[in-house]
N, C-alpha and C. Protein backbone atom coordinates (compact mmCIF):
# COMPACT_ATOMS: atom_id res chain seq x y z
N THR A 1 6.33 14.76 19.82
CA THR A 1 6.14 15.44 21.09
C THR A 1 6.64 14.58 22.25
N GLY A 2 7.49 13.62 21.95
CA GLY A 2 8.08 12.80 22.99
C GLY A 2 7.26 11.58 23.28
N GLY A 3 7.92 10.41 23.29
CA GLY A 3 7.22 9.17 23.60
C GLY A 3 6.52 8.60 22.38
N ALA A 4 6.39 7.29 22.38
CA ALA A 4 5.73 6.63 21.25
C ALA A 4 4.23 6.83 21.35
N VAL A 5 3.60 6.89 20.21
CA VAL A 5 2.14 7.02 20.14
C VAL A 5 1.56 5.68 19.75
N ASN A 6 0.69 5.14 20.56
CA ASN A 6 0.09 3.84 20.27
C ASN A 6 -1.08 4.02 19.31
N GLN A 7 -1.01 3.31 18.21
CA GLN A 7 -2.05 3.40 17.20
C GLN A 7 -2.66 2.02 17.00
N THR A 8 -3.95 1.96 16.77
CA THR A 8 -4.61 0.69 16.49
C THR A 8 -5.30 0.77 15.15
N TRP A 9 -5.04 -0.22 14.31
CA TRP A 9 -5.77 -0.34 13.05
C TRP A 9 -6.82 -1.42 13.24
N ALA A 10 -8.04 -1.15 12.90
CA ALA A 10 -9.11 -2.14 13.05
C ALA A 10 -9.74 -2.41 11.71
N LEU A 11 -9.80 -3.66 11.33
CA LEU A 11 -10.33 -4.06 10.03
C LEU A 11 -11.68 -4.74 10.18
N PRO A 12 -12.77 -4.04 9.89
CA PRO A 12 -14.08 -4.70 9.90
C PRO A 12 -14.20 -5.66 8.73
N ALA A 13 -15.27 -6.43 8.73
CA ALA A 13 -15.53 -7.35 7.63
C ALA A 13 -15.83 -6.56 6.35
N LEU A 14 -15.92 -7.26 5.25
CA LEU A 14 -16.27 -6.69 3.96
C LEU A 14 -15.20 -5.74 3.44
N GLY A 15 -13.99 -5.82 3.99
CA GLY A 15 -12.87 -5.05 3.47
C GLY A 15 -12.85 -3.60 3.84
N ARG A 16 -13.77 -3.14 4.71
CA ARG A 16 -13.74 -1.74 5.10
C ARG A 16 -12.80 -1.56 6.29
N PHE A 17 -12.00 -0.55 6.23
CA PHE A 17 -10.97 -0.34 7.26
C PHE A 17 -11.32 0.87 8.10
N SER A 18 -11.21 0.74 9.40
CA SER A 18 -11.29 1.90 10.27
C SER A 18 -10.06 1.88 11.15
N TRP A 19 -9.70 3.01 11.71
CA TRP A 19 -8.54 3.05 12.59
C TRP A 19 -8.88 3.86 13.81
N GLU A 20 -8.14 3.60 14.86
CA GLU A 20 -8.40 4.28 16.10
C GLU A 20 -7.10 4.82 16.68
N ASN A 21 -7.11 6.08 17.03
CA ASN A 21 -5.92 6.75 17.55
C ASN A 21 -6.09 6.90 19.06
N SER A 22 -5.21 6.24 19.81
CA SER A 22 -5.34 6.27 21.26
C SER A 22 -4.25 7.15 21.88
N VAL A 23 -3.93 8.27 21.25
CA VAL A 23 -2.91 9.18 21.75
C VAL A 23 -3.28 9.65 23.15
N ALA A 24 -2.39 9.39 24.09
CA ALA A 24 -2.58 9.83 25.47
C ALA A 24 -3.89 9.36 26.08
N ASN A 25 -4.49 8.36 25.47
CA ASN A 25 -5.77 7.87 25.98
C ASN A 25 -5.91 6.38 25.65
N PRO A 26 -5.17 5.54 26.36
CA PRO A 26 -5.18 4.11 26.05
C PRO A 26 -6.53 3.46 26.24
N ARG A 27 -7.48 4.18 26.90
CA ARG A 27 -8.81 3.62 27.10
C ARG A 27 -9.82 4.17 26.10
N ALA A 28 -9.31 4.70 25.00
CA ALA A 28 -10.21 5.25 23.98
C ALA A 28 -11.23 4.21 23.57
N GLN A 29 -12.47 4.61 23.45
CA GLN A 29 -13.53 3.66 23.14
C GLN A 29 -13.49 3.23 21.68
N GLN A 30 -13.86 2.00 21.43
CA GLN A 30 -13.95 1.50 20.07
C GLN A 30 -15.12 2.16 19.35
N LYS A 31 -14.92 2.48 18.09
CA LYS A 31 -16.02 3.02 17.30
C LYS A 31 -17.03 1.91 17.00
N THR A 32 -18.29 2.26 16.98
CA THR A 32 -19.35 1.29 16.72
C THR A 32 -19.66 1.28 15.24
N ILE A 33 -19.57 0.11 14.62
CA ILE A 33 -19.86 -0.04 13.20
C ILE A 33 -20.91 -1.14 13.08
N GLU A 34 -22.00 -0.84 12.43
CA GLU A 34 -23.10 -1.78 12.31
C GLU A 34 -22.82 -2.83 11.22
N GLY A 35 -23.38 -4.02 11.42
CA GLY A 35 -23.37 -5.04 10.39
C GLY A 35 -22.08 -5.81 10.25
N LEU A 36 -21.23 -5.85 11.27
CA LEU A 36 -19.97 -6.58 11.18
C LEU A 36 -20.19 -8.07 11.34
N ASP A 37 -19.32 -8.86 10.71
CA ASP A 37 -19.36 -10.31 10.83
C ASP A 37 -18.66 -10.69 12.13
N SER A 38 -19.41 -11.12 13.13
CA SER A 38 -18.84 -11.39 14.45
C SER A 38 -17.87 -12.57 14.44
N ALA A 39 -17.90 -13.38 13.37
CA ALA A 39 -16.98 -14.51 13.28
C ALA A 39 -15.59 -14.09 12.79
N PHE A 40 -15.47 -12.84 12.36
CA PHE A 40 -14.20 -12.34 11.82
C PHE A 40 -13.47 -11.55 12.90
N GLY A 41 -12.23 -11.94 13.18
CA GLY A 41 -11.46 -11.23 14.19
C GLY A 41 -12.14 -11.27 15.54
N THR A 42 -12.23 -10.14 16.20
CA THR A 42 -12.93 -10.01 17.48
C THR A 42 -14.18 -9.19 17.25
N GLN A 43 -15.31 -9.88 17.23
CA GLN A 43 -16.59 -9.22 16.97
C GLN A 43 -16.57 -8.40 15.68
N GLY A 44 -15.95 -8.99 14.65
CA GLY A 44 -15.95 -8.35 13.34
C GLY A 44 -14.81 -7.39 13.10
N ARG A 45 -13.88 -7.29 14.05
CA ARG A 45 -12.79 -6.32 13.90
C ARG A 45 -11.45 -7.04 14.00
N ALA A 46 -10.59 -6.79 13.01
CA ALA A 46 -9.23 -7.32 13.03
C ALA A 46 -8.29 -6.19 13.41
N VAL A 47 -7.45 -6.40 14.40
CA VAL A 47 -6.66 -5.31 14.96
C VAL A 47 -5.18 -5.69 14.99
N VAL A 48 -4.33 -4.75 14.62
CA VAL A 48 -2.89 -4.88 14.82
C VAL A 48 -2.38 -3.54 15.34
N ASP A 49 -1.49 -3.57 16.29
CA ASP A 49 -1.00 -2.35 16.93
C ASP A 49 0.30 -1.86 16.29
N PHE A 50 0.38 -0.55 16.10
CA PHE A 50 1.60 0.10 15.64
C PHE A 50 2.03 1.13 16.69
N GLU A 51 3.32 1.36 16.75
CA GLU A 51 3.84 2.44 17.57
C GLU A 51 4.68 3.36 16.70
N CYS A 52 4.40 4.65 16.76
CA CYS A 52 5.15 5.60 15.96
C CYS A 52 5.06 6.98 16.59
N ASP A 53 5.99 7.83 16.22
CA ASP A 53 6.03 9.20 16.75
C ASP A 53 5.31 10.15 15.81
N SER A 54 4.09 9.82 15.45
CA SER A 54 3.34 10.65 14.52
C SER A 54 1.86 10.52 14.81
N ASP A 55 1.14 11.61 14.60
CA ASP A 55 -0.32 11.53 14.72
C ASP A 55 -0.97 11.42 13.35
N GLU A 56 -0.16 11.28 12.29
CA GLU A 56 -0.67 11.07 10.94
C GLU A 56 -0.85 9.57 10.74
N VAL A 57 -1.96 9.05 11.19
CA VAL A 57 -2.24 7.61 11.13
C VAL A 57 -3.47 7.40 10.27
N ARG A 58 -3.30 6.61 9.23
CA ARG A 58 -4.41 6.44 8.30
C ARG A 58 -4.22 5.14 7.53
N VAL A 59 -5.32 4.46 7.26
CA VAL A 59 -5.30 3.29 6.39
C VAL A 59 -5.79 3.72 5.01
N TRP A 60 -5.00 3.44 3.99
CA TRP A 60 -5.32 3.89 2.64
C TRP A 60 -5.87 2.78 1.75
N SER A 61 -5.42 1.55 1.98
CA SER A 61 -5.77 0.52 1.01
C SER A 61 -5.75 -0.86 1.66
N VAL A 62 -6.61 -1.75 1.17
CA VAL A 62 -6.61 -3.15 1.57
C VAL A 62 -6.70 -4.01 0.31
N ALA A 63 -6.13 -5.22 0.40
CA ALA A 63 -6.20 -6.18 -0.70
C ALA A 63 -6.40 -7.57 -0.11
N LYS A 64 -7.19 -8.38 -0.79
CA LYS A 64 -7.52 -9.71 -0.30
C LYS A 64 -7.15 -10.75 -1.34
N THR A 65 -6.58 -11.89 -0.89
CA THR A 65 -6.24 -12.98 -1.77
C THR A 65 -7.41 -13.96 -1.87
N PRO A 66 -7.39 -14.87 -2.86
CA PRO A 66 -8.47 -15.87 -2.96
C PRO A 66 -8.60 -16.74 -1.71
N THR A 67 -7.52 -16.90 -0.95
CA THR A 67 -7.57 -17.72 0.27
C THR A 67 -8.11 -16.94 1.46
N GLY A 68 -8.36 -15.62 1.28
CA GLY A 68 -8.89 -14.80 2.36
C GLY A 68 -7.86 -14.01 3.12
N TRP A 69 -6.57 -14.23 2.85
CA TRP A 69 -5.52 -13.45 3.52
C TRP A 69 -5.63 -11.99 3.11
N VAL A 70 -5.44 -11.09 4.06
CA VAL A 70 -5.66 -9.66 3.82
C VAL A 70 -4.38 -8.87 4.07
N ALA A 71 -4.06 -7.97 3.15
CA ALA A 71 -2.97 -7.03 3.32
C ALA A 71 -3.53 -5.63 3.41
N ALA A 72 -2.94 -4.80 4.23
CA ALA A 72 -3.39 -3.42 4.38
C ALA A 72 -2.19 -2.49 4.35
N GLY A 73 -2.38 -1.30 3.81
CA GLY A 73 -1.31 -0.32 3.74
C GLY A 73 -1.80 1.05 4.16
N GLY A 74 -0.93 1.82 4.78
CA GLY A 74 -1.30 3.17 5.21
C GLY A 74 -0.12 3.91 5.78
N ALA A 75 -0.39 4.72 6.79
CA ALA A 75 0.64 5.58 7.37
C ALA A 75 0.67 5.45 8.88
N CYS A 76 1.86 5.42 9.42
CA CYS A 76 2.08 5.52 10.86
C CYS A 76 3.52 6.01 11.02
N GLY A 77 3.71 7.30 10.77
CA GLY A 77 5.06 7.85 10.79
C GLY A 77 5.89 7.42 9.60
N GLY A 78 5.26 6.95 8.54
CA GLY A 78 5.93 6.43 7.35
C GLY A 78 5.04 5.37 6.72
N TRP A 79 5.61 4.56 5.83
CA TRP A 79 4.83 3.47 5.25
C TRP A 79 4.52 2.46 6.34
N ALA A 80 3.28 1.98 6.40
CA ALA A 80 2.89 0.96 7.36
C ALA A 80 2.07 -0.10 6.64
N LEU A 81 2.49 -1.36 6.80
CA LEU A 81 1.80 -2.49 6.18
C LEU A 81 1.42 -3.49 7.25
N ALA A 82 0.29 -4.17 7.06
CA ALA A 82 -0.16 -5.18 8.00
C ALA A 82 -0.72 -6.37 7.24
N GLY A 83 -0.57 -7.56 7.82
CA GLY A 83 -1.12 -8.77 7.23
C GLY A 83 -2.05 -9.46 8.20
N PHE A 84 -3.18 -9.97 7.68
CA PHE A 84 -4.17 -10.65 8.52
C PHE A 84 -4.54 -11.99 7.90
N THR A 85 -4.82 -12.96 8.75
CA THR A 85 -5.31 -14.25 8.28
C THR A 85 -6.77 -14.11 7.83
N ALA A 86 -7.28 -15.15 7.20
CA ALA A 86 -8.67 -15.13 6.76
C ALA A 86 -9.63 -15.07 7.93
N GLU A 87 -9.16 -15.45 9.11
CA GLU A 87 -10.00 -15.40 10.31
C GLU A 87 -9.97 -14.04 10.98
N GLY A 88 -9.14 -13.12 10.48
CA GLY A 88 -9.10 -11.79 11.04
C GLY A 88 -8.11 -11.59 12.17
N THR A 89 -7.15 -12.50 12.30
CA THR A 89 -6.10 -12.32 13.31
C THR A 89 -4.82 -11.87 12.62
N PRO A 90 -3.97 -11.10 13.31
CA PRO A 90 -2.70 -10.69 12.71
C PRO A 90 -1.88 -11.90 12.28
N ASP A 91 -1.34 -11.84 11.08
CA ASP A 91 -0.48 -12.92 10.58
C ASP A 91 0.91 -12.70 11.16
N ARG A 92 1.26 -13.45 12.18
CA ARG A 92 2.52 -13.24 12.89
C ARG A 92 3.74 -13.60 12.06
N THR A 93 3.53 -14.26 10.91
CA THR A 93 4.65 -14.57 10.02
C THR A 93 4.96 -13.42 9.08
N PHE A 94 4.12 -12.40 9.11
CA PHE A 94 4.30 -11.24 8.23
C PHE A 94 5.02 -10.13 8.98
N GLY A 95 6.18 -9.72 8.47
CA GLY A 95 6.94 -8.65 9.11
C GLY A 95 7.27 -8.99 10.54
N THR A 96 7.03 -8.02 11.42
CA THR A 96 7.25 -8.20 12.86
C THR A 96 5.89 -8.31 13.54
N GLN A 97 5.52 -9.52 13.89
CA GLN A 97 4.24 -9.76 14.55
C GLN A 97 3.06 -9.20 13.77
N GLY A 98 3.14 -9.33 12.44
CA GLY A 98 2.02 -8.93 11.61
C GLY A 98 2.11 -7.55 11.00
N ARG A 99 3.23 -6.87 11.15
CA ARG A 99 3.32 -5.51 10.63
C ARG A 99 4.73 -5.22 10.09
N THR A 100 4.79 -4.27 9.17
CA THR A 100 6.04 -3.81 8.59
C THR A 100 5.98 -2.30 8.44
N GLN A 101 7.07 -1.62 8.78
CA GLN A 101 7.15 -0.17 8.64
C GLN A 101 8.40 0.20 7.86
N LEU A 102 8.29 1.26 7.06
CA LEU A 102 9.37 1.65 6.15
C LEU A 102 9.23 3.12 5.81
N PHE A 103 10.33 3.73 5.36
CA PHE A 103 10.32 5.11 4.88
C PHE A 103 9.73 6.07 5.91
N ALA A 104 10.38 6.21 7.02
CA ALA A 104 9.90 7.11 8.08
C ALA A 104 9.80 8.54 7.56
N SER A 105 8.74 9.25 7.95
CA SER A 105 8.56 10.64 7.55
C SER A 105 9.62 11.50 8.24
N PRO A 106 10.19 12.48 7.52
CA PRO A 106 11.16 13.38 8.15
C PRO A 106 10.51 14.14 9.30
N ARG A 107 11.23 14.29 10.38
CA ARG A 107 10.70 15.03 11.52
C ARG A 107 10.50 16.50 11.16
N ASN A 108 9.45 17.08 11.72
CA ASN A 108 9.14 18.50 11.52
C ASN A 108 8.95 18.85 10.05
N SER A 109 8.45 17.87 9.28
CA SER A 109 8.21 18.10 7.85
C SER A 109 6.72 17.96 7.57
N THR A 110 6.23 18.78 6.64
CA THR A 110 4.84 18.68 6.22
C THR A 110 4.65 17.61 5.15
N ARG A 111 5.74 17.04 4.68
CA ARG A 111 5.68 16.00 3.65
C ARG A 111 5.57 14.63 4.33
N VAL A 112 4.39 14.06 4.31
CA VAL A 112 4.14 12.79 4.98
C VAL A 112 4.38 11.64 4.01
N THR A 113 5.06 10.61 4.48
CA THR A 113 5.24 9.41 3.66
C THR A 113 4.20 8.38 4.09
N HIS A 114 3.61 7.71 3.12
CA HIS A 114 2.61 6.69 3.43
C HIS A 114 2.44 5.73 2.27
N ALA A 115 2.01 4.52 2.57
CA ALA A 115 1.69 3.53 1.56
C ALA A 115 0.26 3.78 1.11
N ARG A 116 0.08 4.11 -0.15
CA ARG A 116 -1.21 4.57 -0.64
C ARG A 116 -2.06 3.47 -1.27
N ALA A 117 -1.43 2.49 -1.91
CA ALA A 117 -2.18 1.44 -2.59
C ALA A 117 -1.44 0.12 -2.46
N VAL A 118 -2.21 -0.97 -2.27
CA VAL A 118 -1.64 -2.30 -2.08
C VAL A 118 -2.33 -3.28 -3.02
N ALA A 119 -1.53 -4.15 -3.65
CA ALA A 119 -2.07 -5.24 -4.45
C ALA A 119 -1.25 -6.49 -4.14
N VAL A 120 -1.86 -7.66 -4.26
CA VAL A 120 -1.18 -8.91 -3.97
C VAL A 120 -1.02 -9.71 -5.26
N ARG A 121 0.23 -10.04 -5.59
CA ARG A 121 0.48 -10.85 -6.78
C ARG A 121 0.09 -12.30 -6.54
N ALA A 122 -0.01 -13.07 -7.63
CA ALA A 122 -0.40 -14.48 -7.52
C ALA A 122 0.62 -15.28 -6.71
N ASP A 123 1.88 -14.82 -6.68
CA ASP A 123 2.91 -15.54 -5.92
C ASP A 123 2.94 -15.12 -4.45
N GLY A 124 1.98 -14.28 -4.03
CA GLY A 124 1.90 -13.87 -2.64
C GLY A 124 2.67 -12.62 -2.30
N ARG A 125 3.43 -12.08 -3.24
CA ARG A 125 4.18 -10.86 -2.98
C ARG A 125 3.26 -9.64 -3.01
N LEU A 126 3.61 -8.64 -2.23
CA LEU A 126 2.82 -7.41 -2.14
C LEU A 126 3.43 -6.33 -3.01
N LEU A 127 2.62 -5.74 -3.85
CA LEU A 127 3.02 -4.59 -4.64
C LEU A 127 2.43 -3.36 -3.96
N VAL A 128 3.29 -2.44 -3.55
CA VAL A 128 2.84 -1.31 -2.76
C VAL A 128 3.30 -0.01 -3.41
N GLN A 129 2.34 0.89 -3.61
CA GLN A 129 2.65 2.22 -4.13
C GLN A 129 2.44 3.22 -3.01
N GLY A 130 3.34 4.18 -2.91
CA GLY A 130 3.18 5.17 -1.85
C GLY A 130 4.04 6.38 -2.07
N HIS A 131 3.90 7.33 -1.15
CA HIS A 131 4.63 8.58 -1.23
C HIS A 131 5.84 8.56 -0.30
N VAL A 132 6.93 9.11 -0.79
CA VAL A 132 8.05 9.53 0.03
C VAL A 132 8.22 11.01 -0.30
N PRO A 133 8.97 11.77 0.49
CA PRO A 133 9.07 13.19 0.17
C PRO A 133 9.40 13.45 -1.29
N ILE A 134 8.53 14.23 -1.94
CA ILE A 134 8.66 14.68 -3.33
C ILE A 134 8.28 13.61 -4.34
N ARG A 135 8.58 12.35 -4.08
CA ARG A 135 8.39 11.29 -5.07
C ARG A 135 7.28 10.31 -4.72
N THR A 136 6.80 9.60 -5.75
CA THR A 136 5.93 8.45 -5.56
C THR A 136 6.75 7.21 -5.91
N ARG A 137 6.64 6.18 -5.07
CA ARG A 137 7.45 4.98 -5.28
C ARG A 137 6.56 3.75 -5.41
N LEU A 138 7.11 2.73 -6.10
CA LEU A 138 6.46 1.43 -6.22
C LEU A 138 7.45 0.40 -5.70
N ARG A 139 7.02 -0.39 -4.70
CA ARG A 139 7.93 -1.32 -4.07
C ARG A 139 7.29 -2.71 -3.97
N LEU A 140 8.15 -3.73 -3.89
CA LEU A 140 7.70 -5.11 -3.80
C LEU A 140 8.14 -5.69 -2.46
N PHE A 141 7.21 -6.40 -1.80
CA PHE A 141 7.50 -7.05 -0.53
C PHE A 141 7.23 -8.54 -0.66
N SER A 142 8.03 -9.33 0.01
CA SER A 142 7.85 -10.78 0.01
C SER A 142 6.58 -11.14 0.78
N PRO A 143 6.09 -12.38 0.66
CA PRO A 143 4.93 -12.79 1.45
C PRO A 143 5.17 -12.67 2.96
N GLU A 144 6.44 -12.61 3.36
CA GLU A 144 6.78 -12.46 4.77
C GLU A 144 6.90 -11.01 5.20
N GLY A 145 6.62 -10.08 4.26
CA GLY A 145 6.67 -8.67 4.60
C GLY A 145 8.04 -8.04 4.51
N LEU A 146 8.96 -8.66 3.79
CA LEU A 146 10.32 -8.14 3.65
C LEU A 146 10.46 -7.40 2.32
N LEU A 147 11.10 -6.25 2.35
CA LEU A 147 11.33 -5.47 1.13
C LEU A 147 12.26 -6.21 0.19
N GLU A 148 11.92 -6.21 -1.11
CA GLU A 148 12.79 -6.78 -2.13
C GLU A 148 13.37 -5.61 -2.94
N PRO A 149 14.53 -5.11 -2.52
CA PRO A 149 15.04 -3.84 -3.06
C PRO A 149 15.37 -3.85 -4.55
N ALA A 150 15.73 -4.99 -5.12
CA ALA A 150 16.10 -5.03 -6.54
C ALA A 150 14.94 -4.58 -7.42
N PHE A 151 13.72 -4.96 -7.06
CA PHE A 151 12.55 -4.55 -7.83
C PHE A 151 12.40 -3.03 -7.78
N GLY A 152 12.49 -2.45 -6.61
CA GLY A 152 12.34 -1.00 -6.47
C GLY A 152 13.40 -0.23 -7.23
N ASP A 153 14.63 -0.73 -7.22
CA ASP A 153 15.71 -0.06 -7.96
C ASP A 153 15.42 -0.07 -9.46
N ALA A 154 14.93 -1.21 -9.96
CA ALA A 154 14.62 -1.31 -11.39
C ALA A 154 13.45 -0.40 -11.76
N VAL A 155 12.43 -0.36 -10.92
CA VAL A 155 11.27 0.50 -11.19
C VAL A 155 11.68 1.97 -11.20
N ASP A 156 12.47 2.38 -10.22
CA ASP A 156 12.91 3.77 -10.16
C ASP A 156 13.65 4.16 -11.43
N GLU A 157 14.51 3.28 -11.89
CA GLU A 157 15.29 3.58 -13.11
C GLU A 157 14.38 3.75 -14.31
N GLU A 158 13.34 2.94 -14.41
CA GLU A 158 12.42 3.03 -15.54
C GLU A 158 11.51 4.26 -15.43
N LEU A 159 10.88 4.44 -14.28
CA LEU A 159 9.87 5.48 -14.16
C LEU A 159 10.45 6.88 -14.16
N GLU A 160 11.64 7.06 -13.61
CA GLU A 160 12.21 8.40 -13.53
C GLU A 160 12.59 8.94 -14.90
N GLN A 161 12.57 8.06 -15.91
CA GLN A 161 12.81 8.54 -17.27
C GLN A 161 11.58 9.26 -17.84
N PHE A 162 10.40 8.95 -17.28
CA PHE A 162 9.16 9.44 -17.87
C PHE A 162 8.27 10.18 -16.89
N PHE A 163 8.30 9.80 -15.61
CA PHE A 163 7.39 10.36 -14.63
C PHE A 163 8.15 11.21 -13.63
N THR A 164 7.58 12.33 -13.27
CA THR A 164 8.22 13.19 -12.27
C THR A 164 7.41 13.28 -10.98
N GLY A 165 6.19 12.77 -11.00
CA GLY A 165 5.36 12.88 -9.81
C GLY A 165 4.47 11.68 -9.65
N TRP A 166 3.20 11.94 -9.33
CA TRP A 166 2.23 10.89 -9.06
C TRP A 166 2.01 9.99 -10.27
N PHE A 167 1.78 8.71 -10.02
CA PHE A 167 1.37 7.78 -11.07
C PHE A 167 0.39 6.77 -10.48
N ALA A 168 -0.44 6.20 -11.34
CA ALA A 168 -1.38 5.16 -10.94
C ALA A 168 -0.89 3.83 -11.50
N PHE A 169 -1.31 2.73 -10.86
CA PHE A 169 -0.88 1.42 -11.37
C PHE A 169 -2.01 0.41 -11.27
N GLY A 170 -1.91 -0.62 -12.11
CA GLY A 170 -2.84 -1.74 -12.07
C GLY A 170 -2.07 -3.03 -12.23
N LEU A 171 -2.46 -4.05 -11.50
CA LEU A 171 -1.76 -5.33 -11.51
C LEU A 171 -2.47 -6.32 -12.41
N GLN A 172 -1.73 -6.88 -13.38
CA GLN A 172 -2.29 -7.92 -14.25
C GLN A 172 -2.26 -9.27 -13.54
N PRO A 173 -3.10 -10.22 -13.97
CA PRO A 173 -3.09 -11.55 -13.35
C PRO A 173 -1.74 -12.25 -13.44
N ASP A 174 -0.94 -11.94 -14.47
CA ASP A 174 0.36 -12.58 -14.61
C ASP A 174 1.45 -11.89 -13.80
N GLY A 175 1.10 -10.85 -13.06
CA GLY A 175 2.07 -10.17 -12.21
C GLY A 175 2.70 -8.95 -12.83
N LYS A 176 2.49 -8.74 -14.14
CA LYS A 176 3.02 -7.53 -14.76
C LYS A 176 2.18 -6.33 -14.31
N VAL A 177 2.78 -5.14 -14.39
CA VAL A 177 2.15 -3.96 -13.82
C VAL A 177 1.99 -2.88 -14.89
N ILE A 178 0.77 -2.34 -15.00
CA ILE A 178 0.51 -1.21 -15.88
C ILE A 178 0.63 0.07 -15.04
N VAL A 179 1.42 1.02 -15.53
CA VAL A 179 1.65 2.26 -14.80
C VAL A 179 1.30 3.43 -15.73
N GLY A 180 0.57 4.41 -15.21
CA GLY A 180 0.19 5.56 -16.02
C GLY A 180 0.35 6.87 -15.29
N ASN A 181 0.68 7.92 -16.06
CA ASN A 181 0.80 9.26 -15.50
C ASN A 181 0.09 10.22 -16.44
N ARG A 182 0.64 11.36 -16.67
CA ARG A 182 -0.06 12.38 -17.46
C ARG A 182 -0.23 12.01 -18.92
N GLU A 183 0.85 11.65 -19.58
CA GLU A 183 0.77 11.43 -21.01
C GLU A 183 1.29 10.07 -21.44
N THR A 184 1.69 9.24 -20.48
CA THR A 184 2.36 8.00 -20.83
C THR A 184 1.82 6.84 -20.00
N VAL A 185 1.66 5.69 -20.65
CA VAL A 185 1.34 4.44 -19.98
C VAL A 185 2.42 3.43 -20.35
N LEU A 186 2.92 2.71 -19.38
CA LEU A 186 3.92 1.69 -19.66
C LEU A 186 3.62 0.44 -18.85
N ARG A 187 4.30 -0.66 -19.21
CA ARG A 187 4.10 -1.92 -18.50
C ARG A 187 5.44 -2.42 -17.98
N LEU A 188 5.42 -2.93 -16.74
CA LEU A 188 6.62 -3.43 -16.09
C LEU A 188 6.57 -4.94 -15.98
N ASN A 189 7.73 -5.57 -16.15
CA ASN A 189 7.85 -7.00 -15.94
C ASN A 189 7.87 -7.33 -14.45
N LEU A 190 7.91 -8.62 -14.13
CA LEU A 190 7.88 -9.04 -12.75
C LEU A 190 9.11 -8.56 -11.97
N ASP A 191 10.21 -8.30 -12.67
CA ASP A 191 11.41 -7.83 -11.99
C ASP A 191 11.52 -6.31 -11.94
N GLY A 192 10.49 -5.60 -12.43
CA GLY A 192 10.49 -4.14 -12.38
C GLY A 192 11.02 -3.45 -13.62
N THR A 193 11.56 -4.19 -14.56
CA THR A 193 12.05 -3.61 -15.80
C THR A 193 10.89 -3.36 -16.76
N ARG A 194 11.09 -2.48 -17.74
CA ARG A 194 10.03 -2.16 -18.69
C ARG A 194 9.80 -3.31 -19.65
N ASP A 195 8.53 -3.62 -19.92
CA ASP A 195 8.16 -4.67 -20.87
C ASP A 195 8.17 -4.08 -22.26
N LEU A 196 9.19 -4.40 -23.03
CA LEU A 196 9.36 -3.79 -24.36
C LEU A 196 8.36 -4.31 -25.38
N ASP A 197 7.59 -5.35 -25.03
CA ASP A 197 6.56 -5.86 -25.94
C ASP A 197 5.26 -5.09 -25.83
N PHE A 198 5.19 -4.15 -24.90
CA PHE A 198 3.98 -3.36 -24.69
C PHE A 198 4.09 -2.05 -25.45
N GLY A 199 3.07 -1.75 -26.29
CA GLY A 199 3.08 -0.50 -27.04
C GLY A 199 4.29 -0.40 -27.94
N ALA A 200 4.93 0.77 -27.95
CA ALA A 200 6.14 1.00 -28.74
C ALA A 200 7.31 1.12 -27.78
N GLY A 201 8.11 0.06 -27.71
CA GLY A 201 9.25 0.07 -26.81
C GLY A 201 8.86 0.09 -25.35
N GLY A 202 7.68 -0.49 -25.05
CA GLY A 202 7.23 -0.55 -23.67
C GLY A 202 6.37 0.62 -23.26
N LEU A 203 6.08 1.54 -24.19
CA LEU A 203 5.31 2.75 -23.87
C LEU A 203 4.07 2.86 -24.76
N ALA A 204 3.03 3.49 -24.22
CA ALA A 204 1.83 3.79 -24.99
C ALA A 204 1.39 5.19 -24.65
N THR A 205 1.02 5.96 -25.67
CA THR A 205 0.52 7.32 -25.47
C THR A 205 -0.81 7.44 -26.18
N PRO A 206 -1.93 7.17 -25.49
CA PRO A 206 -3.25 7.23 -26.13
C PRO A 206 -3.51 8.59 -26.77
N ALA A 207 -4.20 8.56 -27.89
CA ALA A 207 -4.45 9.80 -28.64
C ALA A 207 -5.28 10.80 -27.85
N LEU A 208 -6.10 10.32 -26.91
CA LEU A 208 -6.95 11.25 -26.17
C LEU A 208 -6.18 12.02 -25.12
N PHE A 209 -4.94 11.64 -24.87
CA PHE A 209 -4.17 12.32 -23.86
C PHE A 209 -3.75 13.71 -24.33
N GLY A 210 -3.80 14.66 -23.44
CA GLY A 210 -3.35 16.01 -23.74
C GLY A 210 -2.62 16.58 -22.55
N LYS A 211 -2.28 17.84 -22.61
CA LYS A 211 -1.50 18.45 -21.54
C LYS A 211 -2.26 18.49 -20.22
N SER A 212 -3.58 18.52 -20.29
CA SER A 212 -4.36 18.60 -19.05
C SER A 212 -4.85 17.24 -18.59
N THR A 213 -4.44 16.17 -19.28
CA THR A 213 -4.90 14.82 -18.94
C THR A 213 -4.10 14.27 -17.78
N PHE A 214 -4.77 13.53 -16.91
CA PHE A 214 -4.09 12.93 -15.77
C PHE A 214 -4.68 11.56 -15.49
N VAL A 215 -3.85 10.53 -15.40
CA VAL A 215 -4.31 9.18 -15.10
C VAL A 215 -4.41 9.05 -13.58
N SER A 216 -5.64 8.85 -13.10
CA SER A 216 -5.84 8.72 -11.65
C SER A 216 -5.99 7.28 -11.21
N HIS A 217 -6.47 6.39 -12.12
CA HIS A 217 -6.65 4.98 -11.80
C HIS A 217 -6.32 4.13 -13.02
N VAL A 218 -5.87 2.90 -12.77
CA VAL A 218 -5.65 1.93 -13.84
C VAL A 218 -6.43 0.68 -13.49
N LEU A 219 -7.33 0.27 -14.39
CA LEU A 219 -8.13 -0.94 -14.19
C LEU A 219 -7.71 -1.98 -15.21
N VAL A 220 -7.34 -3.16 -14.74
CA VAL A 220 -6.92 -4.24 -15.61
C VAL A 220 -8.02 -5.29 -15.66
N ARG A 221 -8.52 -5.60 -16.85
CA ARG A 221 -9.60 -6.60 -17.00
C ARG A 221 -9.01 -8.00 -17.04
């Protein structure tokens, strides 16, 4: 509707995410959340600002490293990622002043693109799953918030052989990724190629799976 829309993402303590939309109202009041750790961020809230031409603003996922560094993923006119220090301040070394945006949603389209799930590998890289029009994608970002396209290209080549829509994923401690859809589970190597040592030729089809079965989550022990 013309002009950038200022969006604020606010991260309370304990990994719960809230967001605030200040469309045409830069003085919008902060939401009150009880029980926040006042030592984290500003009175328990970690904030990074995004600007986008969309009112579809939402935080979908957060992930925390053993050192306390926090990654968040969601939507702000496309995929939106943010990085925070353990103290709750934007990590200015991540992306552009603590944020990264990718895969802008097509204008005048009901198909919204967004980063739906985030996991952090042991090497500090971010594994991000999200929607683009029609497809679900899995992408890898460097610790600095930069896209590593070779991984995404390899994943697309593998997954498009078996999956046509939504899939769930789980990250192993060694960085390999378990991916599941309706009738198939497979494992990906660190470079995005299929791990042929998993199941039969890199694939597993559990006997309990049927035509109406759908993998919604993958949990790695």
